[in-house]
Amino acid sequence: LAQAKFLPWARPVGPPRVGAMPAPTITEHMRYIQEKLNPVMEALVTAVLLKCPKNPPEFMVKWLMEQDKYDKGEFGSLVDDSEIARLRSEVERLRRHKAMLQEALRQDSSR
């Protein structure tokens, strides 16, 4: 528990479950970062610095999705055109709703 004093996120939550895997140690976290995260992050940062895009978050997401050597999880699966159209329609509906709420707020605050 000495680490919990300095790393509140490392504190166990509740009683340990029977058969549960033990929480990773600091050493295991560091190994995971060095072996799994650093290679991806270094390549990503290099790509961003070489390109200097106007919208870095969008560029980073696109770059990550284009990489074949990294596990994309659920984001690696293909989405059909009808799902994309449905999602675009939902985004547009939410933008209109946001604009309506902002206008209502603007009118309310001007009273």
N, C-alpha and C. Protein backbone atom coordinates (compact mmCIF):
# COMPACT_ATOMS: atom_id res chain seq x y z
N LEU A 1 0.80 -1.21 0.00
CA LEU A 1 0.00 0.00 0.00
C LEU A 1 0.84 1.26 0.00
N ALA A 2 2.15 1.13 0.09
CA ALA A 2 2.99 2.31 0.05
C ALA A 2 2.81 3.05 -1.26
N GLN A 3 2.64 2.30 -2.37
CA GLN A 3 2.45 2.96 -3.65
C GLN A 3 1.13 3.70 -3.71
N ALA A 4 0.11 3.25 -2.99
CA ALA A 4 -1.20 3.91 -3.00
C ALA A 4 -1.11 5.30 -2.42
N LYS A 5 -0.18 5.51 -1.51
CA LYS A 5 -0.01 6.84 -0.92
C LYS A 5 0.38 7.85 -1.98
N PHE A 6 1.20 7.43 -2.94
CA PHE A 6 1.68 8.33 -3.97
C PHE A 6 0.92 8.22 -5.27
N LEU A 7 0.29 7.09 -5.50
CA LEU A 7 -0.45 6.86 -6.73
C LEU A 7 -1.87 6.46 -6.39
N PRO A 8 -2.75 7.45 -6.17
CA PRO A 8 -4.11 7.12 -5.74
C PRO A 8 -4.83 6.19 -6.70
N TRP A 9 -4.53 6.26 -7.99
CA TRP A 9 -5.19 5.39 -8.96
C TRP A 9 -4.76 3.94 -8.81
N ALA A 10 -3.65 3.69 -8.09
CA ALA A 10 -3.16 2.33 -7.92
C ALA A 10 -3.78 1.63 -6.73
N ARG A 11 -4.58 2.36 -5.94
CA ARG A 11 -5.21 1.75 -4.78
C ARG A 11 -6.25 0.73 -5.19
N PRO A 12 -6.31 -0.41 -4.52
CA PRO A 12 -7.36 -1.38 -4.84
C PRO A 12 -8.73 -0.82 -4.45
N VAL A 13 -9.73 -1.13 -5.25
CA VAL A 13 -11.09 -0.67 -4.98
C VAL A 13 -11.88 -1.86 -4.44
N GLY A 14 -12.32 -1.77 -3.19
CA GLY A 14 -13.12 -2.83 -2.60
C GLY A 14 -12.29 -4.06 -2.29
N PRO A 15 -12.94 -5.06 -1.76
CA PRO A 15 -12.23 -6.31 -1.42
C PRO A 15 -11.84 -7.06 -2.69
N PRO A 16 -10.73 -7.79 -2.65
CA PRO A 16 -10.34 -8.54 -3.84
C PRO A 16 -11.35 -9.63 -4.16
N ARG A 17 -11.60 -9.81 -5.45
CA ARG A 17 -12.54 -10.85 -5.87
C ARG A 17 -11.83 -12.19 -5.88
N VAL A 18 -12.57 -13.23 -5.56
CA VAL A 18 -12.03 -14.57 -5.57
C VAL A 18 -11.68 -14.93 -7.01
N GLY A 19 -10.46 -15.37 -7.22
CA GLY A 19 -10.03 -15.76 -8.56
C GLY A 19 -9.64 -14.59 -9.45
N ALA A 20 -9.68 -13.36 -8.92
CA ALA A 20 -9.34 -12.19 -9.73
C ALA A 20 -7.83 -12.11 -9.90
N MET A 21 -7.42 -11.58 -11.02
CA MET A 21 -6.00 -11.39 -11.27
C MET A 21 -5.50 -10.27 -10.36
N PRO A 22 -4.27 -10.38 -9.86
CA PRO A 22 -3.72 -9.31 -9.04
C PRO A 22 -3.50 -8.06 -9.89
N ALA A 23 -3.58 -6.91 -9.26
CA ALA A 23 -3.37 -5.65 -9.97
C ALA A 23 -1.93 -5.58 -10.47
N PRO A 24 -1.72 -4.99 -11.63
CA PRO A 24 -0.37 -4.88 -12.15
C PRO A 24 0.51 -4.03 -11.22
N THR A 25 1.77 -4.37 -11.15
CA THR A 25 2.70 -3.60 -10.33
C THR A 25 3.20 -2.41 -11.13
N ILE A 26 3.89 -1.50 -10.45
CA ILE A 26 4.47 -0.35 -11.13
C ILE A 26 5.44 -0.83 -12.22
N THR A 27 6.22 -1.85 -11.90
CA THR A 27 7.18 -2.38 -12.88
C THR A 27 6.45 -2.92 -14.10
N GLU A 28 5.34 -3.60 -13.89
CA GLU A 28 4.57 -4.12 -15.02
C GLU A 28 3.97 -2.98 -15.85
N HIS A 29 3.53 -1.93 -15.18
CA HIS A 29 3.02 -0.76 -15.91
C HIS A 29 4.13 -0.14 -16.76
N MET A 30 5.30 0.02 -16.17
CA MET A 30 6.41 0.62 -16.90
C MET A 30 6.81 -0.25 -18.09
N ARG A 31 6.85 -1.56 -17.92
CA ARG A 31 7.19 -2.46 -19.01
C ARG A 31 6.14 -2.34 -20.13
N TYR A 32 4.87 -2.29 -19.75
CA TYR A 32 3.80 -2.16 -20.73
C TYR A 32 3.97 -0.85 -21.52
N ILE A 33 4.25 0.23 -20.82
CA ILE A 33 4.45 1.53 -21.49
C ILE A 33 5.61 1.44 -22.46
N GLN A 34 6.74 0.89 -22.00
CA GLN A 34 7.93 0.82 -22.85
C GLN A 34 7.73 -0.10 -24.05
N GLU A 35 7.07 -1.22 -23.85
CA GLU A 35 6.94 -2.20 -24.93
C GLU A 35 5.76 -1.93 -25.86
N LYS A 36 4.66 -1.42 -25.32
CA LYS A 36 3.43 -1.28 -26.11
C LYS A 36 3.14 0.15 -26.53
N LEU A 37 3.22 1.09 -25.60
CA LEU A 37 2.81 2.46 -25.90
C LEU A 37 3.90 3.29 -26.59
N ASN A 38 5.12 3.23 -26.07
CA ASN A 38 6.18 4.08 -26.62
C ASN A 38 6.39 3.91 -28.12
N PRO A 39 6.45 2.69 -28.65
CA PRO A 39 6.65 2.58 -30.11
C PRO A 39 5.55 3.28 -30.91
N VAL A 40 4.33 3.12 -30.49
CA VAL A 40 3.22 3.75 -31.21
C VAL A 40 3.27 5.26 -31.04
N MET A 41 3.48 5.71 -29.81
CA MET A 41 3.48 7.15 -29.55
C MET A 41 4.64 7.85 -30.25
N GLU A 42 5.81 7.22 -30.27
CA GLU A 42 6.96 7.83 -30.95
C GLU A 42 6.70 7.97 -32.44
N ALA A 43 6.15 6.92 -33.05
CA ALA A 43 5.84 6.98 -34.48
C ALA A 43 4.75 8.01 -34.76
N LEU A 44 3.75 8.08 -33.90
CA LEU A 44 2.66 9.05 -34.07
C LEU A 44 3.17 10.48 -33.95
N VAL A 45 3.95 10.75 -32.93
CA VAL A 45 4.49 12.11 -32.73
C VAL A 45 5.39 12.49 -33.90
N THR A 46 6.20 11.57 -34.38
CA THR A 46 7.05 11.84 -35.54
C THR A 46 6.20 12.21 -36.75
N ALA A 47 5.14 11.45 -37.00
CA ALA A 47 4.27 11.74 -38.14
C ALA A 47 3.62 13.11 -38.00
N VAL A 48 3.18 13.45 -36.80
CA VAL A 48 2.56 14.76 -36.56
C VAL A 48 3.57 15.87 -36.79
N LEU A 49 4.78 15.72 -36.27
CA LEU A 49 5.79 16.76 -36.43
C LEU A 49 6.24 16.92 -37.88
N LEU A 50 6.28 15.84 -38.63
CA LEU A 50 6.65 15.93 -40.04
C LEU A 50 5.57 16.64 -40.85
N LYS A 51 4.32 16.41 -40.50
CA LYS A 51 3.19 16.96 -41.26
C LYS A 51 2.74 18.32 -40.73
N CYS A 52 2.83 18.54 -39.41
CA CYS A 52 2.32 19.76 -38.76
C CYS A 52 0.90 20.09 -39.25
N PRO A 53 -0.05 19.18 -39.06
CA PRO A 53 -1.41 19.40 -39.58
C PRO A 53 -2.12 20.52 -38.82
N LYS A 54 -3.09 21.14 -39.49
CA LYS A 54 -3.88 22.19 -38.85
C LYS A 54 -4.78 21.63 -37.77
N ASN A 55 -5.20 20.38 -37.93
CA ASN A 55 -6.07 19.73 -36.95
C ASN A 55 -5.37 18.46 -36.45
N PRO A 56 -4.45 18.61 -35.47
CA PRO A 56 -3.68 17.44 -35.01
C PRO A 56 -4.52 16.26 -34.53
N PRO A 57 -5.59 16.47 -33.73
CA PRO A 57 -6.35 15.29 -33.29
C PRO A 57 -6.94 14.49 -34.45
N GLU A 58 -7.48 15.17 -35.44
CA GLU A 58 -8.05 14.48 -36.60
C GLU A 58 -6.95 13.73 -37.35
N PHE A 59 -5.80 14.37 -37.53
CA PHE A 59 -4.68 13.73 -38.21
C PHE A 59 -4.23 12.48 -37.44
N MET A 60 -4.16 12.59 -36.11
CA MET A 60 -3.69 11.47 -35.30
C MET A 60 -4.64 10.27 -35.39
N VAL A 61 -5.94 10.54 -35.33
CA VAL A 61 -6.91 9.44 -35.44
C VAL A 61 -6.79 8.77 -36.80
N LYS A 62 -6.71 9.60 -37.84
CA LYS A 62 -6.59 9.04 -39.20
C LYS A 62 -5.29 8.24 -39.32
N TRP A 63 -4.21 8.77 -38.80
CA TRP A 63 -2.92 8.08 -38.87
C TRP A 63 -3.00 6.73 -38.16
N LEU A 64 -3.57 6.73 -36.96
CA LEU A 64 -3.68 5.48 -36.21
C LEU A 64 -4.52 4.46 -36.96
N MET A 65 -5.60 4.89 -37.58
CA MET A 65 -6.46 3.97 -38.31
C MET A 65 -5.78 3.40 -39.55
N GLU A 66 -4.83 4.15 -40.11
CA GLU A 66 -4.14 3.68 -41.32
C GLU A 66 -3.02 2.69 -41.01
N GLN A 67 -2.64 2.57 -39.75
CA GLN A 67 -1.54 1.68 -39.39
C GLN A 67 -2.01 0.23 -39.40
N ASP A 68 -1.27 -0.62 -40.06
CA ASP A 68 -1.63 -2.04 -40.15
C ASP A 68 -1.01 -2.87 -39.03
N LYS A 69 0.06 -2.37 -38.42
CA LYS A 69 0.77 -3.20 -37.45
C LYS A 69 0.25 -3.08 -36.03
N TYR A 70 -0.72 -2.20 -35.79
CA TYR A 70 -1.25 -2.03 -34.44
C TYR A 70 -2.68 -2.55 -34.39
N ASP A 71 -3.06 -3.11 -33.26
CA ASP A 71 -4.41 -3.64 -33.06
C ASP A 71 -5.38 -2.47 -32.94
N LYS A 72 -6.40 -2.45 -33.77
CA LYS A 72 -7.38 -1.37 -33.77
C LYS A 72 -8.63 -1.72 -32.99
N GLY A 73 -8.70 -2.93 -32.49
CA GLY A 73 -9.88 -3.34 -31.74
C GLY A 73 -11.13 -3.22 -32.59
N GLU A 74 -12.20 -2.73 -32.00
CA GLU A 74 -13.46 -2.61 -32.72
C GLU A 74 -13.41 -1.59 -33.84
N PHE A 75 -12.44 -0.67 -33.78
CA PHE A 75 -12.37 0.37 -34.79
C PHE A 75 -11.77 -0.11 -36.10
N GLY A 76 -11.24 -1.33 -36.10
CA GLY A 76 -10.68 -1.88 -37.32
C GLY A 76 -11.71 -2.54 -38.21
N SER A 77 -12.92 -2.71 -37.70
CA SER A 77 -13.95 -3.36 -38.50
C SER A 77 -14.58 -2.37 -39.48
N LEU A 78 -15.01 -2.89 -40.60
CA LEU A 78 -15.62 -2.04 -41.62
C LEU A 78 -17.04 -1.65 -41.22
N VAL A 79 -17.42 -0.46 -41.62
CA VAL A 79 -18.77 0.03 -41.36
C VAL A 79 -19.42 0.24 -42.72
N ASP A 80 -20.66 -0.21 -42.85
CA ASP A 80 -21.31 -0.08 -44.16
C ASP A 80 -21.78 1.36 -44.40
N ASP A 81 -22.05 1.67 -45.65
CA ASP A 81 -22.42 3.03 -46.05
C ASP A 81 -23.70 3.51 -45.38
N SER A 82 -24.66 2.61 -45.16
CA SER A 82 -25.91 3.03 -44.53
C SER A 82 -25.66 3.47 -43.08
N GLU A 83 -24.73 2.80 -42.39
CA GLU A 83 -24.39 3.20 -41.01
C GLU A 83 -23.70 4.56 -40.99
N ILE A 84 -22.83 4.79 -41.95
CA ILE A 84 -22.16 6.09 -42.05
C ILE A 84 -23.18 7.18 -42.32
N ALA A 85 -24.12 6.93 -43.23
CA ALA A 85 -25.16 7.92 -43.55
C ALA A 85 -26.03 8.19 -42.33
N ARG A 86 -26.38 7.13 -41.59
CA ARG A 86 -27.19 7.30 -40.38
C ARG A 86 -26.45 8.15 -39.34
N LEU A 87 -25.16 7.88 -39.17
CA LEU A 87 -24.38 8.62 -38.19
C LEU A 87 -24.21 10.09 -38.61
N ARG A 88 -24.02 10.33 -39.90
CA ARG A 88 -23.90 11.72 -40.37
C ARG A 88 -25.21 12.48 -40.16
N SER A 89 -26.31 11.80 -40.39
CA SER A 89 -27.62 12.40 -40.17
C SER A 89 -27.81 12.74 -38.69
N GLU A 90 -27.40 11.83 -37.83
CA GLU A 90 -27.51 12.05 -36.38
C GLU A 90 -26.63 13.22 -35.94
N VAL A 91 -25.44 13.32 -36.50
CA VAL A 91 -24.54 14.44 -36.18
C VAL A 91 -25.20 15.76 -36.60
N GLU A 92 -25.77 15.78 -37.79
CA GLU A 92 -26.42 17.01 -38.27
C GLU A 92 -27.61 17.39 -37.39
N ARG A 93 -28.41 16.39 -37.00
CA ARG A 93 -29.54 16.65 -36.11
C ARG A 93 -29.05 17.22 -34.78
N LEU A 94 -27.99 16.67 -34.24
CA LEU A 94 -27.44 17.16 -32.97
C LEU A 94 -26.86 18.57 -33.11
N ARG A 95 -26.27 18.88 -34.26
CA ARG A 95 -25.76 20.24 -34.48
C ARG A 95 -26.91 21.25 -34.51
N ARG A 96 -28.01 20.88 -35.18
CA ARG A 96 -29.17 21.78 -35.22
C ARG A 96 -29.73 21.98 -33.81
N HIS A 97 -29.81 20.90 -33.06
CA HIS A 97 -30.33 20.97 -31.68
C HIS A 97 -29.41 21.86 -30.83
N LYS A 98 -28.12 21.71 -30.99
CA LYS A 98 -27.16 22.53 -30.25
C LYS A 98 -27.35 24.01 -30.60
N ALA A 99 -27.49 24.31 -31.89
CA ALA A 99 -27.69 25.69 -32.32
C ALA A 99 -28.97 26.27 -31.73
N MET A 100 -30.02 25.45 -31.69
CA MET A 100 -31.29 25.89 -31.12
C MET A 100 -31.12 26.20 -29.63
N LEU A 101 -30.43 25.34 -28.92
CA LEU A 101 -30.20 25.56 -27.48
C LEU A 101 -29.33 26.78 -27.24
N GLN A 102 -28.32 26.97 -28.07
CA GLN A 102 -27.47 28.15 -27.92
C GLN A 102 -28.26 29.43 -28.16
N GLU A 103 -29.13 29.40 -29.15
CA GLU A 103 -29.97 30.58 -29.44
C GLU A 103 -30.91 30.86 -28.29
N ALA A 104 -31.53 29.81 -27.74
CA ALA A 104 -32.42 29.99 -26.60
C ALA A 104 -31.67 30.56 -25.39
N LEU A 105 -30.47 30.08 -25.18
CA LEU A 105 -29.65 30.59 -24.08
C LEU A 105 -29.27 32.04 -24.31
N ARG A 106 -28.92 32.37 -25.55
CA ARG A 106 -28.56 33.76 -25.89
C ARG A 106 -29.74 34.69 -25.65
N GLN A 107 -30.94 34.26 -26.08
CA GLN A 107 -32.13 35.09 -25.90
C GLN A 107 -32.47 35.24 -24.42
N ASP A 108 -32.32 34.16 -23.67
CA ASP A 108 -32.62 34.19 -22.23
C ASP A 108 -31.65 35.10 -21.48
N SER A 109 -30.39 35.08 -21.88
CA SER A 109 -29.40 35.90 -21.16
C SER A 109 -29.48 37.37 -21.55
N SER A 110 -30.14 37.69 -22.68
CA SER A 110 -30.27 39.09 -23.09
C SER A 110 -31.47 39.77 -22.45
N ARG A 111 -32.27 39.02 -21.71
CA ARG A 111 -33.45 39.61 -21.07
C ARG A 111 -33.11 40.33 -19.81
